[in-house]
Amino acid sequence: MKKRFISILLTLCMALALLPMTARAVGKGVPAMRNEIRFLVNGKLVGVPATYNIGGFNYLSLRGIAVLLNGTAAQFDVSWDSEYGYAKIETGKPYTGEEVSAGLPETADAGNTGEGFAVYLDGERYTGLNDVYFIADRYYCQLREFAERMNGRKSQFNVYWDEGLDQAVIEPGAWYTGVSPNFVGTAPEIEMAHVSAGTHYLTTATTSGGLKDISATLTKGYYIGKTEITQKQYQAVMGLNPSYFDGIDDGWVGQVPYTLPDGSISYMFDLVHSSGTMPRVPFLGDIQ
């Protein structure tokens, strides 16, 4: 049963690694309605008029996000590099651009060709923003995705919905988790099953020399959840550090290195399943 479990898990993770990341909607002509969102930033309500609602989700322009965070620990500058044809983001710098809300249409067709989106981020070409639309000569993305991509950079920030305040909150300088740091969950612990390091059977393949067992070697052990939990329960246990299960011999689910028969090393980044835009601990039912 253990071998079967490892086989299913490794096969699933390698297959998931081949799936491309896609935007929420693909194609041109998606209806977009202009609206205004307010965020609580450093204790003050700040309105962002240069936003659009697309399919029930709010999208902000890169310049709009820069205006929202300007003067905070998460500020960044964004400009257009006409020579290379890319938006350029410089984290940690004040925004020096223009007004972002003037002249924007109330309704528009949001274009998303599904061809990807690239910017120059701190001097390097970056393609990590996936849920992006083009409206009125500007690029719009979801604030949560942008915040997640800023983790570890000078302009990192957390954004979450505070149920007590009934308000979206931004914490400049904080690591993005999508959850209030004051949230107290309902799970005192996560019941985990351990998979040890070592060589594990994957499958039996037919070769010119006959049947051959194929194995993979885990360089670290790891844990997987025994039962399903909610994202809030996950966050209550993991806190702001997703490496809760790190150790000399054991990695947290989602970053398990393994060695293939040809000696190459790969990583199981897909062990962490997503719930919305945040990860949660996968459990046995996910792979059975």
Foldseek 3Di string as FASTA:
>chain_A
DLLVLVQLVVVVLVVVVPDDDAAPDAFWFFKKFFDKAWAQEPNDIDIQRQWIATPNAIWHFPVSVQVVCAPHQQHWEWDADPVVGAIEIETPDHYDDDDRNPPFDRMWMWHHNRPFHWHQYNNRIDGQFHHWTAGPNTIIGHPLSVLQVCAPHSNHWEWEQDPVVRHIYIYTPARYARDDLPDADDAPDFDKDKDFFAKHWHDWDQDPVGIDTWIKTWQAIEIAGADDDDSSNQCNHCPSHVQVVDDPRYTYFQFIWMAGPVGDIDTSNPQFPDDPNHTGGHHSVVRD
